[in-house]
């Protein structure tokens, strides 16, 4: 399997036409034999990529006090209770924030307020924050999330996820794909039998079958 992935990644990178921007490398996963109308069958997993995503990941932290101060070094933005309330009153600003942010992290004590003020915006987008427990290190949590991608099928048989960038080595991208495939096999009810096919491609390049 690992050799197949390596080969597919190399082919996808080689065949990608020259572009004047840095392309991402994405994985398309096609599922089968699953009733995705039943939410318990849907894929919804966070996966830490061993070689990183190759992209900037936007992370916003909701925190107060000492945690907020420490988060400022690593997060793209840190919002306190007052800003949270303001967002609750401004639907457009909340939607903009949700659209441009990959992940939210929040002190566990703020989760109830976040549900109240932002639940209707973040919930449907699958962007509800990861709760930060009192003994969790916010710096460590944010840095880990910078290398994290979401596998989320919703009710569709085909879904996509980022696995790297075109200037990463094929080996590093293949390692990332390997981790994702293993997680899928472990998560799905019938493991590999629920995977119809998997393709890798750069943003504008051709798709190459991995499995």
N, C-alpha and C. Protein backbone atom coordinates (compact mmCIF):
# COMPACT_ATOMS: atom_id res chain seq x y z
N UNK A 1 0.84 -1.21 0.00
CA UNK A 1 0.00 0.00 0.00
C UNK A 1 0.87 1.26 0.00
N UNK A 2 1.89 1.27 0.88
CA UNK A 2 2.73 2.48 0.99
C UNK A 2 3.41 2.81 -0.34
N UNK A 3 3.88 1.76 -1.05
CA UNK A 3 4.53 1.99 -2.34
C UNK A 3 3.54 2.55 -3.36
N UNK A 4 2.31 2.02 -3.32
CA UNK A 4 1.28 2.50 -4.24
C UNK A 4 1.01 3.98 -4.00
N UNK A 5 0.93 4.35 -2.73
CA UNK A 5 0.65 5.76 -2.39
C UNK A 5 1.79 6.63 -2.90
N UNK A 6 3.03 6.20 -2.63
CA UNK A 6 4.21 6.95 -3.08
C UNK A 6 4.17 7.20 -4.58
N UNK A 7 3.86 6.13 -5.30
CA UNK A 7 3.84 6.18 -6.77
C UNK A 7 2.75 7.15 -7.25
N UNK A 8 1.57 7.06 -6.64
CA UNK A 8 0.45 7.92 -7.04
C UNK A 8 0.77 9.38 -6.78
N UNK A 9 1.37 9.66 -5.61
CA UNK A 9 1.71 11.05 -5.27
C UNK A 9 2.73 11.59 -6.26
N UNK A 10 3.76 10.81 -6.55
CA UNK A 10 4.79 11.26 -7.50
C UNK A 10 4.18 11.56 -8.86
N UNK A 11 3.27 10.69 -9.29
CA UNK A 11 2.62 10.89 -10.60
C UNK A 11 1.76 12.17 -10.58
N UNK A 12 1.00 12.36 -9.50
CA UNK A 12 0.14 13.55 -9.41
C UNK A 12 0.97 14.83 -9.45
N UNK A 13 2.12 14.82 -8.76
CA UNK A 13 2.98 16.00 -8.74
C UNK A 13 3.64 16.21 -10.11
N UNK A 14 4.08 15.11 -10.72
CA UNK A 14 4.76 15.22 -12.02
C UNK A 14 3.82 15.73 -13.11
N UNK A 15 2.56 15.31 -13.04
CA UNK A 15 1.62 15.63 -14.12
C UNK A 15 0.89 16.96 -13.91
N UNK A 16 1.10 17.57 -12.74
CA UNK A 16 0.42 18.85 -12.47
C UNK A 16 1.01 19.93 -13.37
N UNK A 17 0.18 20.68 -14.09
CA UNK A 17 0.71 21.76 -14.94
C UNK A 17 1.31 22.86 -14.08
N UNK A 18 2.27 23.57 -14.66
CA UNK A 18 2.91 24.69 -13.94
C UNK A 18 1.87 25.78 -13.64
N UNK A 19 1.85 26.24 -12.42
CA UNK A 19 0.94 27.34 -12.04
C UNK A 19 1.77 28.43 -11.37
N UNK A 20 1.20 29.63 -11.35
CA UNK A 20 1.97 30.72 -10.72
C UNK A 20 1.56 30.91 -9.26
N UNK A 21 0.97 29.85 -8.67
CA UNK A 21 0.71 29.88 -7.24
C UNK A 21 1.01 28.50 -6.67
N UNK A 22 1.16 28.46 -5.35
CA UNK A 22 1.52 27.21 -4.68
C UNK A 22 0.26 26.37 -4.48
N UNK A 23 0.19 25.25 -5.17
CA UNK A 23 -1.01 24.44 -5.10
C UNK A 23 -1.02 23.54 -3.86
N UNK A 24 -2.23 23.27 -3.38
CA UNK A 24 -2.35 22.28 -2.32
C UNK A 24 -2.45 20.90 -2.97
N UNK A 25 -2.21 19.88 -2.18
CA UNK A 25 -2.42 18.50 -2.63
C UNK A 25 -3.60 17.97 -1.83
N UNK A 26 -4.60 17.48 -2.54
CA UNK A 26 -5.84 17.05 -1.89
C UNK A 26 -6.10 15.57 -2.15
N UNK A 27 -6.87 15.00 -1.25
CA UNK A 27 -7.29 13.61 -1.37
C UNK A 27 -8.81 13.60 -1.55
N UNK A 28 -9.28 12.84 -2.52
CA UNK A 28 -10.73 12.64 -2.70
C UNK A 28 -11.04 11.20 -2.32
N UNK A 29 -11.96 11.03 -1.38
CA UNK A 29 -12.32 9.70 -0.89
C UNK A 29 -13.76 9.40 -1.32
N UNK A 30 -13.95 8.25 -1.95
CA UNK A 30 -15.29 7.81 -2.36
C UNK A 30 -15.70 6.61 -1.50
N UNK A 31 -16.80 6.75 -0.78
CA UNK A 31 -17.26 5.69 0.11
C UNK A 31 -18.30 4.82 -0.59
N UNK A 32 -18.55 3.62 -0.03
CA UNK A 32 -19.60 2.76 -0.58
C UNK A 32 -20.23 1.92 0.54
N UNK A 33 -21.41 1.40 0.24
CA UNK A 33 -22.12 0.50 1.16
C UNK A 33 -22.32 1.10 2.55
N UNK A 34 -22.64 2.39 2.58
CA UNK A 34 -22.92 3.06 3.85
C UNK A 34 -24.18 3.89 3.71
N UNK A 35 -25.05 3.82 4.70
CA UNK A 35 -26.23 4.69 4.71
C UNK A 35 -25.83 6.00 5.39
N UNK A 36 -25.49 7.00 4.57
CA UNK A 36 -24.99 8.26 5.13
C UNK A 36 -26.12 9.18 5.60
N UNK A 37 -27.37 8.74 5.40
CA UNK A 37 -28.48 9.49 6.02
C UNK A 37 -28.50 9.26 7.52
N UNK A 38 -27.86 8.17 7.95
CA UNK A 38 -27.72 7.89 9.38
C UNK A 38 -26.43 8.54 9.86
N UNK A 39 -26.53 9.59 10.69
CA UNK A 39 -25.33 10.33 11.11
C UNK A 39 -24.25 9.46 11.75
N UNK A 40 -24.64 8.32 12.33
CA UNK A 40 -23.62 7.48 12.98
C UNK A 40 -22.69 6.82 11.97
N UNK A 41 -23.09 6.79 10.70
CA UNK A 41 -22.24 6.19 9.65
C UNK A 41 -21.32 7.21 8.98
N UNK A 42 -21.52 8.48 9.30
CA UNK A 42 -20.74 9.52 8.62
C UNK A 42 -19.32 9.60 9.18
N UNK A 43 -18.41 10.00 8.32
CA UNK A 43 -17.03 10.20 8.75
C UNK A 43 -16.90 11.62 9.31
N UNK A 44 -16.38 11.73 10.53
CA UNK A 44 -16.13 13.04 11.13
C UNK A 44 -14.95 12.88 12.07
N UNK A 45 -13.76 13.02 11.52
CA UNK A 45 -12.54 12.75 12.28
C UNK A 45 -11.54 13.89 12.12
N UNK A 46 -10.81 14.19 13.19
CA UNK A 46 -9.66 15.10 13.11
C UNK A 46 -8.40 14.25 13.07
N UNK A 47 -7.55 14.50 12.08
CA UNK A 47 -6.33 13.70 11.94
C UNK A 47 -5.11 14.62 11.95
N UNK A 48 -4.16 14.31 12.81
CA UNK A 48 -2.89 15.06 12.84
C UNK A 48 -1.97 14.46 11.78
N UNK A 49 -1.55 15.28 10.82
CA UNK A 49 -0.68 14.78 9.74
C UNK A 49 0.77 14.78 10.20
N UNK A 50 1.47 13.65 10.07
CA UNK A 50 2.84 13.57 10.56
C UNK A 50 3.79 14.55 9.89
N UNK A 51 3.51 14.88 8.61
CA UNK A 51 4.41 15.80 7.88
C UNK A 51 3.83 17.20 7.77
N UNK A 52 2.72 17.47 8.49
CA UNK A 52 2.11 18.80 8.43
C UNK A 52 1.28 18.98 7.17
N UNK A 53 0.49 20.07 7.14
CA UNK A 53 -0.42 20.28 6.01
C UNK A 53 0.24 21.04 4.86
N UNK A 54 1.40 21.64 5.13
CA UNK A 54 2.06 22.43 4.09
C UNK A 54 1.39 23.75 3.83
N UNK A 55 0.41 24.10 4.67
CA UNK A 55 -0.36 25.32 4.48
C UNK A 55 -0.48 26.06 5.80
N UNK A 56 -0.79 27.35 5.70
CA UNK A 56 -1.13 28.10 6.90
C UNK A 56 -2.51 27.64 7.38
N UNK A 57 -2.62 27.34 8.65
CA UNK A 57 -3.91 26.96 9.22
C UNK A 57 -4.35 28.07 10.17
N UNK A 58 -5.52 28.62 9.91
CA UNK A 58 -6.03 29.73 10.73
C UNK A 58 -6.70 29.18 11.98
N UNK A 59 -6.18 29.58 13.14
CA UNK A 59 -6.73 29.10 14.41
C UNK A 59 -7.09 30.28 15.31
N UNK A 60 -8.32 30.28 15.80
CA UNK A 60 -8.78 31.33 16.71
C UNK A 60 -9.06 30.70 18.07
N UNK A 61 -8.60 31.36 19.12
CA UNK A 61 -8.78 30.86 20.49
C UNK A 61 -9.72 31.78 21.26
N UNK A 62 -10.70 31.20 21.93
CA UNK A 62 -11.54 31.94 22.87
C UNK A 62 -10.99 31.68 24.27
N UNK A 63 -10.49 32.72 24.91
CA UNK A 63 -9.87 32.52 26.23
C UNK A 63 -9.80 33.84 26.99
N UNK A 64 -9.59 33.72 28.29
CA UNK A 64 -9.43 34.89 29.16
C UNK A 64 -8.13 34.74 29.94
N UNK A 65 -7.67 35.83 30.51
CA UNK A 65 -6.56 35.79 31.48
C UNK A 65 -5.27 35.21 30.93
N UNK A 66 -4.64 34.40 31.75
CA UNK A 66 -3.32 33.82 31.44
C UNK A 66 -3.34 33.00 30.16
N UNK A 67 -4.39 32.23 29.96
CA UNK A 67 -4.49 31.39 28.75
C UNK A 67 -4.53 32.26 27.50
N UNK A 68 -5.26 33.36 27.58
CA UNK A 68 -5.35 34.28 26.44
C UNK A 68 -3.99 34.87 26.11
N UNK A 69 -3.25 35.23 27.14
CA UNK A 69 -1.91 35.82 26.94
C UNK A 69 -0.99 34.82 26.26
N UNK A 70 -1.01 33.57 26.71
CA UNK A 70 -0.14 32.54 26.13
C UNK A 70 -0.57 32.21 24.69
N UNK A 71 -1.89 32.24 24.46
CA UNK A 71 -2.41 31.88 23.13
C UNK A 71 -1.99 32.90 22.07
N UNK A 72 -1.77 34.15 22.50
CA UNK A 72 -1.45 35.20 21.53
C UNK A 72 -0.17 34.92 20.74
N UNK A 73 0.73 34.13 21.32
CA UNK A 73 1.99 33.81 20.63
C UNK A 73 1.79 32.83 19.47
N UNK A 74 0.73 32.02 19.54
CA UNK A 74 0.60 30.94 18.55
C UNK A 74 -0.68 31.00 17.71
N UNK A 75 -1.73 31.64 18.22
CA UNK A 75 -3.00 31.67 17.49
C UNK A 75 -3.06 32.87 16.55
N UNK A 76 -3.95 32.80 15.56
CA UNK A 76 -4.13 33.93 14.63
C UNK A 76 -4.93 35.04 15.29
N UNK A 77 -5.79 34.67 16.23
CA UNK A 77 -6.56 35.67 16.96
C UNK A 77 -6.99 35.07 18.29
N UNK A 78 -7.11 35.92 19.30
CA UNK A 78 -7.58 35.49 20.61
C UNK A 78 -8.74 36.39 20.99
N UNK A 79 -9.89 35.79 21.30
CA UNK A 79 -11.09 36.55 21.60
C UNK A 79 -11.57 36.24 23.01
N UNK A 80 -11.95 37.28 23.75
CA UNK A 80 -12.46 37.10 25.11
C UNK A 80 -13.97 37.11 25.13
N UNK A 81 -14.53 37.11 26.33
CA UNK A 81 -15.97 37.06 26.51
C UNK A 81 -16.71 38.22 25.87
N UNK A 82 -16.14 39.42 25.96
CA UNK A 82 -16.81 40.59 25.37
C UNK A 82 -16.92 40.47 23.86
N UNK A 83 -15.81 40.05 23.24
CA UNK A 83 -15.82 39.89 21.77
C UNK A 83 -16.79 38.79 21.35
N UNK A 84 -16.87 37.75 22.19
CA UNK A 84 -17.81 36.66 21.91
C UNK A 84 -19.24 37.18 21.89
N UNK A 85 -19.57 38.00 22.87
CA UNK A 85 -20.92 38.59 22.92
C UNK A 85 -21.18 39.45 21.69
N UNK A 86 -20.17 40.26 21.31
CA UNK A 86 -20.32 41.12 20.12
C UNK A 86 -20.60 40.29 18.88
N UNK A 87 -19.89 39.16 18.75
CA UNK A 87 -20.10 38.28 17.59
C UNK A 87 -21.51 37.70 17.60
N UNK A 88 -22.01 37.42 18.82
CA UNK A 88 -23.35 36.88 18.95
C UNK A 88 -24.40 37.86 18.42
N UNK A 89 -24.08 39.16 18.46
CA UNK A 89 -25.01 40.19 17.99
C UNK A 89 -24.81 40.54 16.53
N UNK A 90 -23.74 40.02 15.93
CA UNK A 90 -23.41 40.40 14.55
C UNK A 90 -23.23 39.14 13.70
N UNK A 91 -24.34 38.69 13.13
CA UNK A 91 -24.35 37.43 12.39
C UNK A 91 -23.36 37.42 11.23
N UNK A 92 -23.26 38.54 10.51
CA UNK A 92 -22.35 38.59 9.36
C UNK A 92 -20.91 38.45 9.79
N UNK A 93 -20.53 39.14 10.88
CA UNK A 93 -19.15 39.05 11.38
C UNK A 93 -18.85 37.62 11.84
N UNK A 94 -19.83 37.00 12.49
CA UNK A 94 -19.65 35.62 12.97
C UNK A 94 -19.46 34.66 11.79
N UNK A 95 -20.25 34.86 10.72
CA UNK A 95 -20.13 33.99 9.54
C UNK A 95 -18.78 34.21 8.84
N UNK A 96 -18.35 35.47 8.76
CA UNK A 96 -17.03 35.76 8.16
C UNK A 96 -15.92 35.06 8.93
N UNK A 97 -15.99 35.16 10.26
CA UNK A 97 -14.97 34.54 11.11
C UNK A 97 -14.97 33.03 10.91
N UNK A 98 -16.16 32.44 10.88
CA UNK A 98 -16.26 30.98 10.70
C UNK A 98 -15.70 30.57 9.34
N UNK A 99 -15.94 31.40 8.31
CA UNK A 99 -15.49 31.06 6.97
C UNK A 99 -13.98 31.10 6.81
N UNK A 100 -13.33 32.05 7.51
CA UNK A 100 -11.88 32.20 7.31
C UNK A 100 -11.04 31.47 8.36
N UNK A 101 -11.69 30.80 9.31
CA UNK A 101 -10.97 30.10 10.38
C UNK A 101 -11.07 28.59 10.18
N UNK A 102 -9.92 27.91 10.25
CA UNK A 102 -9.93 26.45 10.09
C UNK A 102 -10.40 25.76 11.37
N UNK A 103 -9.87 26.23 12.51
CA UNK A 103 -10.20 25.58 13.79
C UNK A 103 -10.37 26.62 14.89
N UNK A 104 -11.29 26.34 15.79
CA UNK A 104 -11.46 27.15 16.99
C UNK A 104 -11.08 26.31 18.21
N UNK A 105 -10.47 26.97 19.18
CA UNK A 105 -10.16 26.35 20.46
C UNK A 105 -10.77 27.26 21.52
N UNK A 106 -11.32 26.69 22.58
CA UNK A 106 -11.93 27.54 23.61
C UNK A 106 -11.73 26.93 24.99
N UNK A 107 -11.50 27.80 25.96
CA UNK A 107 -11.48 27.31 27.34
C UNK A 107 -12.82 26.65 27.63
N UNK A 108 -12.75 25.50 28.30
CA UNK A 108 -13.96 24.71 28.56
C UNK A 108 -15.03 25.56 29.25
N UNK A 109 -14.60 26.48 30.10
CA UNK A 109 -15.56 27.31 30.85
C UNK A 109 -16.34 28.27 29.94
N UNK A 110 -15.85 28.48 28.70
CA UNK A 110 -16.53 29.39 27.78
C UNK A 110 -17.43 28.66 26.78
N UNK A 111 -17.39 27.32 26.80
CA UNK A 111 -18.10 26.55 25.77
C UNK A 111 -19.61 26.79 25.80
N UNK A 112 -20.17 26.94 27.01
CA UNK A 112 -21.62 27.14 27.11
C UNK A 112 -22.03 28.45 26.43
N UNK A 113 -21.24 29.51 26.69
CA UNK A 113 -21.53 30.81 26.06
C UNK A 113 -21.34 30.74 24.54
N UNK A 114 -20.32 30.01 24.11
CA UNK A 114 -20.07 29.88 22.67
C UNK A 114 -21.26 29.18 22.01
N UNK A 115 -21.77 28.14 22.68
CA UNK A 115 -22.95 27.45 22.16
C UNK A 115 -24.13 28.41 22.04
N UNK A 116 -24.27 29.29 23.04
CA UNK A 116 -25.40 30.21 23.06
C UNK A 116 -25.27 31.29 21.99
N UNK A 117 -24.07 31.87 21.88
CA UNK A 117 -23.88 33.01 20.97
C UNK A 117 -23.55 32.59 19.53
N UNK A 118 -22.80 31.49 19.39
CA UNK A 118 -22.29 31.15 18.05
C UNK A 118 -22.68 29.75 17.57
N UNK A 119 -23.44 29.03 18.39
CA UNK A 119 -23.79 27.65 18.04
C UNK A 119 -24.45 27.52 16.68
N UNK A 120 -25.35 28.46 16.35
CA UNK A 120 -26.08 28.35 15.08
C UNK A 120 -25.18 28.64 13.88
N UNK A 121 -24.07 29.35 14.11
CA UNK A 121 -23.13 29.63 13.01
C UNK A 121 -22.07 28.53 12.91
N UNK A 122 -21.47 28.18 14.04
CA UNK A 122 -20.36 27.22 14.03
C UNK A 122 -20.83 25.77 13.90
N UNK A 123 -21.96 25.45 14.54
CA UNK A 123 -22.44 24.06 14.55
C UNK A 123 -22.62 23.46 13.16
N UNK A 124 -23.46 24.09 12.31
CA UNK A 124 -23.70 23.52 10.98
C UNK A 124 -22.44 23.44 10.12
N UNK A 125 -21.45 24.28 10.41
CA UNK A 125 -20.21 24.27 9.62
C UNK A 125 -19.19 23.28 10.18
N UNK A 126 -19.55 22.58 11.24
CA UNK A 126 -18.61 21.64 11.86
C UNK A 126 -17.43 22.35 12.49
N UNK A 127 -17.65 23.59 12.97
CA UNK A 127 -16.53 24.41 13.47
C UNK A 127 -16.61 24.68 14.98
N UNK A 128 -17.44 23.93 15.71
CA UNK A 128 -17.49 24.17 17.15
C UNK A 128 -16.09 23.96 17.74
N UNK A 129 -15.71 24.79 18.72
CA UNK A 129 -14.32 24.74 19.22
C UNK A 129 -13.96 23.43 19.91
N UNK A 130 -12.68 23.13 19.87
CA UNK A 130 -12.12 22.07 20.71
C UNK A 130 -11.99 22.64 22.12
N UNK A 131 -12.62 21.99 23.12
CA UNK A 131 -12.55 22.53 24.48
C UNK A 131 -11.16 22.34 25.08
N UNK A 132 -10.70 23.38 25.74
CA UNK A 132 -9.39 23.37 26.41
C UNK A 132 -9.64 23.18 27.90
N UNK A 133 -9.23 22.03 28.44
CA UNK A 133 -9.42 21.78 29.87
C UNK A 133 -8.40 22.58 30.67
N UNK A 134 -8.68 22.83 31.97
CA UNK A 134 -7.79 23.68 32.77
C UNK A 134 -6.32 23.25 32.76
N UNK A 135 -6.06 21.93 32.65
CA UNK A 135 -4.65 21.51 32.67
C UNK A 135 -4.07 21.29 31.27
N UNK A 136 -4.83 21.65 30.22
CA UNK A 136 -4.30 21.55 28.85
C UNK A 136 -3.40 22.75 28.56
N UNK A 137 -2.34 22.51 27.79
CA UNK A 137 -1.44 23.59 27.40
C UNK A 137 -1.94 24.19 26.09
N UNK A 138 -2.35 25.45 26.13
CA UNK A 138 -2.94 26.07 24.94
C UNK A 138 -1.95 26.13 23.79
N UNK A 139 -0.67 26.37 24.08
CA UNK A 139 0.36 26.47 23.03
C UNK A 139 0.50 25.12 22.32
N UNK A 140 0.58 24.06 23.10
CA UNK A 140 0.73 22.70 22.55
C UNK A 140 -0.51 22.33 21.71
N UNK A 141 -1.69 22.67 22.24
CA UNK A 141 -2.94 22.35 21.54
C UNK A 141 -3.01 23.06 20.19
N UNK A 142 -2.69 24.36 20.18
CA UNK A 142 -2.76 25.13 18.93
C UNK A 142 -1.73 24.61 17.93
N UNK A 143 -0.51 24.34 18.40
CA UNK A 143 0.53 23.85 17.47
C UNK A 143 0.15 22.50 16.87
N UNK A 144 -0.49 21.65 17.67
CA UNK A 144 -0.93 20.36 17.14
C UNK A 144 -2.01 20.56 16.08
N UNK A 145 -2.91 21.50 16.35
CA UNK A 145 -4.01 21.73 15.41
C UNK A 145 -3.54 22.34 14.09
N UNK A 146 -2.39 22.99 14.11
CA UNK A 146 -1.85 23.54 12.86
C UNK A 146 -1.52 22.43 11.87
N UNK A 147 -1.30 21.21 12.39
CA UNK A 147 -1.00 20.07 11.52
C UNK A 147 -2.19 19.13 11.38
N UNK A 148 -3.38 19.63 11.72
CA UNK A 148 -4.57 18.79 11.73
C UNK A 148 -5.47 19.08 10.52
N UNK A 149 -6.07 18.03 9.98
CA UNK A 149 -7.10 18.20 8.95
C UNK A 149 -8.37 17.48 9.41
N UNK A 150 -9.49 17.91 8.85
CA UNK A 150 -10.77 17.27 9.16
C UNK A 150 -11.15 16.31 8.04
N UNK A 151 -11.55 15.11 8.40
CA UNK A 151 -12.18 14.20 7.44
C UNK A 151 -13.67 14.27 7.74
N UNK A 152 -14.44 14.84 6.83
CA UNK A 152 -15.86 15.02 7.12
C UNK A 152 -16.70 14.69 5.88
N UNK A 153 -17.44 13.60 5.95
CA UNK A 153 -18.21 13.17 4.77
C UNK A 153 -19.58 13.85 4.69
N UNK A 154 -20.11 14.28 5.86
CA UNK A 154 -21.52 14.70 5.93
C UNK A 154 -22.37 13.58 5.29
N UNK A 155 -23.35 13.95 4.44
CA UNK A 155 -24.20 12.89 3.88
C UNK A 155 -23.81 12.54 2.45
N UNK A 156 -22.56 12.88 2.09
CA UNK A 156 -22.12 12.61 0.70
C UNK A 156 -21.13 11.45 0.66
N UNK A 157 -21.19 10.71 -0.42
CA UNK A 157 -20.28 9.56 -0.55
C UNK A 157 -18.85 9.99 -0.89
N UNK A 158 -18.72 11.17 -1.49
CA UNK A 158 -17.39 11.66 -1.85
C UNK A 158 -17.04 12.87 -1.00
N UNK A 159 -15.86 12.88 -0.39
CA UNK A 159 -15.42 14.06 0.34
C UNK A 159 -13.93 14.27 0.11
N UNK A 160 -13.47 15.48 0.42
CA UNK A 160 -12.08 15.85 0.13
C UNK A 160 -11.38 16.30 1.41
N UNK A 161 -10.07 16.14 1.43
CA UNK A 161 -9.28 16.68 2.52
C UNK A 161 -7.90 17.05 2.01
N UNK A 162 -7.28 18.01 2.65
CA UNK A 162 -5.94 18.46 2.26
C UNK A 162 -4.90 17.49 2.83
N UNK A 163 -3.91 17.15 2.02
CA UNK A 163 -2.86 16.25 2.52
C UNK A 163 -1.45 16.83 2.36
N UNK A 164 -1.36 18.07 1.85
CA UNK A 164 -0.03 18.66 1.71
C UNK A 164 -0.03 19.80 0.69
N UNK A 165 1.18 20.15 0.27
CA UNK A 165 1.36 21.19 -0.74
C UNK A 165 2.34 20.67 -1.77
N UNK A 166 2.28 21.26 -2.98
CA UNK A 166 3.04 20.69 -4.10
C UNK A 166 4.55 20.73 -3.90
N UNK A 167 5.05 21.64 -3.01
CA UNK A 167 6.49 21.70 -2.82
C UNK A 167 6.98 20.80 -1.68
N UNK A 168 6.07 20.01 -1.10
CA UNK A 168 6.50 19.01 -0.12
C UNK A 168 7.02 17.79 -0.86
N UNK A 169 7.83 16.98 -0.19
CA UNK A 169 8.36 15.78 -0.87
C UNK A 169 7.25 14.74 -1.00
N UNK A 170 7.30 13.95 -2.09
CA UNK A 170 6.29 12.90 -2.26
C UNK A 170 6.22 11.96 -1.05
N UNK A 171 7.37 11.68 -0.43
CA UNK A 171 7.40 10.80 0.74
C UNK A 171 6.58 11.38 1.88
N UNK A 172 6.75 12.69 2.12
CA UNK A 172 6.02 13.33 3.22
C UNK A 172 4.52 13.31 2.96
N UNK A 173 4.13 13.61 1.72
CA UNK A 173 2.70 13.60 1.37
C UNK A 173 2.16 12.18 1.49
N UNK A 174 2.94 11.20 1.03
CA UNK A 174 2.51 9.80 1.12
C UNK A 174 2.33 9.37 2.58
N UNK A 175 3.21 9.83 3.46
CA UNK A 175 3.06 9.51 4.90
C UNK A 175 1.74 10.06 5.43
N UNK A 176 1.42 11.30 5.01
CA UNK A 176 0.16 11.90 5.45
C UNK A 176 -1.05 11.09 4.96
N UNK A 177 -0.99 10.68 3.70
CA UNK A 177 -2.10 9.91 3.12
C UNK A 177 -2.24 8.57 3.83
N UNK A 178 -1.10 7.95 4.11
CA UNK A 178 -1.11 6.64 4.79
C UNK A 178 -1.84 6.74 6.13
N UNK A 179 -1.56 7.80 6.89
CA UNK A 179 -2.21 7.99 8.19
C UNK A 179 -3.72 8.17 8.02
N UNK A 180 -4.11 8.94 6.99
CA UNK A 180 -5.54 9.17 6.75
C UNK A 180 -6.24 7.87 6.35
N UNK A 181 -5.62 7.11 5.47
CA UNK A 181 -6.23 5.85 5.01
C UNK A 181 -6.39 4.88 6.19
N UNK A 182 -5.36 4.80 7.03
CA UNK A 182 -5.44 3.91 8.20
C UNK A 182 -6.58 4.34 9.12
N UNK A 183 -6.71 5.66 9.32
CA UNK A 183 -7.77 6.15 10.20
C UNK A 183 -9.14 5.81 9.61
N UNK A 184 -9.28 5.99 8.30
CA UNK A 184 -10.55 5.66 7.65
C UNK A 184 -10.89 4.18 7.83
N UNK A 185 -9.90 3.33 7.61
CA UNK A 185 -10.13 1.89 7.74
C UNK A 185 -10.53 1.53 9.17
N UNK A 186 -9.95 2.24 10.14
CA UNK A 186 -10.25 1.96 11.55
C UNK A 186 -11.63 2.50 11.95
N UNK A 187 -12.05 3.57 11.28
CA UNK A 187 -13.29 4.26 11.65
C UNK A 187 -14.53 3.65 11.01
N UNK A 188 -14.40 3.28 9.75
CA UNK A 188 -15.56 2.81 9.00
C UNK A 188 -16.01 1.42 9.48
N UNK A 189 -17.31 1.21 9.43
CA UNK A 189 -17.89 -0.03 9.97
C UNK A 189 -17.24 -1.28 9.37
N UNK A 190 -17.10 -1.29 8.04
CA UNK A 190 -16.50 -2.46 7.38
C UNK A 190 -15.08 -2.18 6.91
N UNK A 191 -14.46 -1.16 7.50
CA UNK A 191 -13.06 -0.86 7.18
C UNK A 191 -12.85 -0.60 5.70
N UNK A 192 -11.84 -1.24 5.10
CA UNK A 192 -11.50 -1.00 3.69
C UNK A 192 -12.67 -1.31 2.74
N UNK A 193 -13.59 -2.18 3.16
CA UNK A 193 -14.71 -2.54 2.28
C UNK A 193 -15.67 -1.37 2.07
N UNK A 194 -15.62 -0.38 2.97
CA UNK A 194 -16.47 0.81 2.80
C UNK A 194 -15.81 1.89 1.95
N UNK A 195 -14.58 1.64 1.49
CA UNK A 195 -13.89 2.61 0.65
C UNK A 195 -13.96 2.13 -0.80
N UNK A 196 -14.58 2.94 -1.64
CA UNK A 196 -14.72 2.57 -3.05
C UNK A 196 -13.43 2.89 -3.80
N UNK A 197 -12.95 4.13 -3.63
CA UNK A 197 -11.70 4.53 -4.30
C UNK A 197 -11.16 5.79 -3.61
N UNK A 198 -9.87 6.02 -3.79
CA UNK A 198 -9.22 7.22 -3.24
C UNK A 198 -8.31 7.79 -4.33
N UNK A 199 -8.43 9.11 -4.54
CA UNK A 199 -7.61 9.78 -5.55
C UNK A 199 -6.82 10.91 -4.91
N UNK A 200 -5.62 11.16 -5.47
CA UNK A 200 -4.81 12.29 -5.03
C UNK A 200 -4.62 13.24 -6.21
N UNK A 201 -4.64 14.56 -5.92
CA UNK A 201 -4.43 15.54 -7.00
C UNK A 201 -3.96 16.85 -6.42
N UNK A 202 -3.25 17.62 -7.25
CA UNK A 202 -2.96 19.00 -6.87
C UNK A 202 -4.21 19.83 -7.21
N UNK A 203 -4.26 21.08 -6.78
CA UNK A 203 -5.45 21.92 -6.95
C UNK A 203 -5.98 21.86 -8.38
N UNK A 204 -5.08 22.07 -9.35
CA UNK A 204 -5.52 22.15 -10.74
C UNK A 204 -5.07 20.95 -11.58
N UNK A 205 -4.42 20.01 -10.96
CA UNK A 205 -3.85 18.88 -11.71
C UNK A 205 -4.81 17.72 -11.86
N UNK A 206 -4.40 16.69 -12.64
CA UNK A 206 -5.24 15.53 -12.84
C UNK A 206 -5.29 14.64 -11.59
N UNK A 207 -6.37 13.86 -11.46
CA UNK A 207 -6.51 12.94 -10.33
C UNK A 207 -5.76 11.64 -10.63
N UNK A 208 -5.09 11.11 -9.62
CA UNK A 208 -4.41 9.82 -9.76
C UNK A 208 -4.92 8.89 -8.67
N UNK A 209 -5.33 7.69 -9.09
CA UNK A 209 -5.92 6.78 -8.09
C UNK A 209 -4.86 6.24 -7.14
N UNK A 210 -5.17 6.28 -5.85
CA UNK A 210 -4.25 5.77 -4.80
C UNK A 210 -4.68 4.37 -4.40
N UNK A 211 -6.00 4.18 -4.22
CA UNK A 211 -6.49 2.88 -3.76
C UNK A 211 -7.93 2.70 -4.23
